[in-house]
Protein backbone atom coordinates (compact mmCIF):
# COMPACT_ATOMS: atom_id res chain seq x y z
CA MET A 1 -86.84 -7.91 184.41
CA ARG A 2 -88.49 -7.02 181.14
CA ASP A 3 -92.03 -7.20 182.54
CA GLU A 4 -91.26 -5.55 185.86
CA LEU A 5 -88.81 -2.86 184.79
CA LEU A 6 -88.00 -2.42 181.12
CA ASN A 7 -91.58 -2.35 179.83
CA GLU A 8 -92.75 -0.11 182.68
CA THR A 9 -89.96 2.47 183.00
CA LEU A 10 -89.04 5.48 180.96
CA PHE A 11 -85.28 6.04 180.71
CA PHE A 12 -84.08 9.54 179.88
CA ASP A 13 -80.44 8.77 179.20
CA LEU A 14 -77.83 6.06 179.74
CA ASP A 15 -76.94 7.22 183.26
CA ASP A 16 -80.63 7.26 184.21
CA ALA A 17 -81.03 3.72 182.83
CA ARG A 18 -77.98 2.48 184.74
CA THR A 19 -79.25 4.02 187.98
CA LYS A 20 -82.76 2.61 187.64
CA ILE A 21 -81.55 -0.84 186.58
CA ALA A 22 -79.06 -1.00 189.46
CA ALA A 23 -81.78 -0.03 191.93
CA TRP A 24 -84.15 -2.65 190.51
CA ILE A 25 -81.46 -5.35 190.68
CA ALA A 26 -80.61 -4.46 194.28
CA ASP A 27 -84.28 -4.54 195.24
CA TYR A 28 -84.90 -7.81 193.39
CA ASN A 29 -81.92 -9.53 194.97
CA ILE A 30 -82.54 -8.32 198.52
CA GLN A 31 -86.26 -7.87 199.14
CA PRO A 32 -88.54 -10.57 197.71
CA PRO A 33 -88.26 -14.24 198.64
CA HIS A 34 -87.66 -16.58 195.72
CA SER A 35 -89.38 -19.94 195.34
CA SER A 36 -86.18 -21.47 193.94
CA LEU A 37 -84.42 -20.56 197.22
CA ASN A 38 -87.02 -22.20 199.47
CA TYR A 39 -88.79 -18.85 199.79
CA LEU A 40 -85.79 -17.11 201.29
CA THR A 41 -84.46 -13.81 200.08
CA PRO A 42 -81.20 -14.11 198.15
CA ALA A 43 -79.35 -12.35 200.98
CA ALA A 44 -80.78 -14.76 203.58
CA TYR A 45 -79.98 -17.74 201.35
CA ALA A 46 -76.39 -16.56 200.88
CA ALA A 47 -76.04 -16.04 204.63
CA HIS A 48 -77.36 -19.57 205.21
CA LEU A 49 -74.83 -21.02 202.76
CA THR A 50 -72.01 -19.10 204.40
CA ALA A 51 -73.10 -20.05 207.93
CA THR A 52 -73.46 -23.75 207.13
CA ASP A 53 -70.51 -23.88 204.71
CA ASP A 54 -72.93 -25.56 202.31
CA ARG A 55 -72.38 -25.79 198.58
CA LEU A 56 -74.80 -24.95 195.81
CA ARG A 57 -74.11 -28.18 193.95
CA SER A 58 -72.37 -31.43 194.58
CA PRO A 59 -69.45 -32.24 192.27
CA ASP A 60 -71.49 -35.09 190.75
CA GLN A 61 -74.07 -32.61 189.47
CA LEU A 62 -71.38 -30.66 187.65
CA ARG A 63 -70.15 -33.59 185.58
CA ARG A 64 -71.18 -33.29 182.00
CA SER A 65 -73.01 -36.10 180.32
CA SER A 66 -72.27 -37.00 176.76
CA VAL A 67 -74.38 -35.31 174.11
CA ALA A 68 -75.48 -38.61 172.63
CA PRO A 69 -75.01 -42.14 173.91
CA PRO A 70 -72.35 -44.17 172.15
CA ALA A 71 -73.40 -46.64 169.48
CA PRO A 72 -74.19 -50.14 170.73
CA LEU A 73 -71.31 -52.58 170.63
CA GLY A 74 -70.69 -53.87 167.12
CA VAL A 75 -72.69 -51.17 165.32
CA GLN A 76 -70.65 -49.15 162.87
CA ASN A 77 -71.78 -46.15 160.87
CA PRO A 78 -69.91 -45.81 157.57
CA GLU A 79 -71.09 -42.22 157.11
CA THR A 80 -68.88 -39.54 158.55
CA LEU A 81 -69.37 -35.83 158.87
CA THR A 82 -67.33 -33.73 156.50
CA ALA A 83 -66.66 -30.03 156.72
CA ALA A 84 -68.49 -27.94 154.17
CA GLY A 85 -66.14 -25.82 152.30
């Protein structure tokens, strides 16, 4: 967005900026195919999902993994985090 619109467009006031940004977003989301969508336009991809009742992700992909693995069995760390105050 920055390279294609913000760096290339002169905005005269807030309403002008809103109008130009909304037009750019509509064009970006409707016209060009996206590689991340198997080279479909977002509208075509959404229609495909609706027609096939497909889901963007499986529930397994949405499960969060732990930030760090737990310590190996039997390993204890005597240091604890304390709040700075």
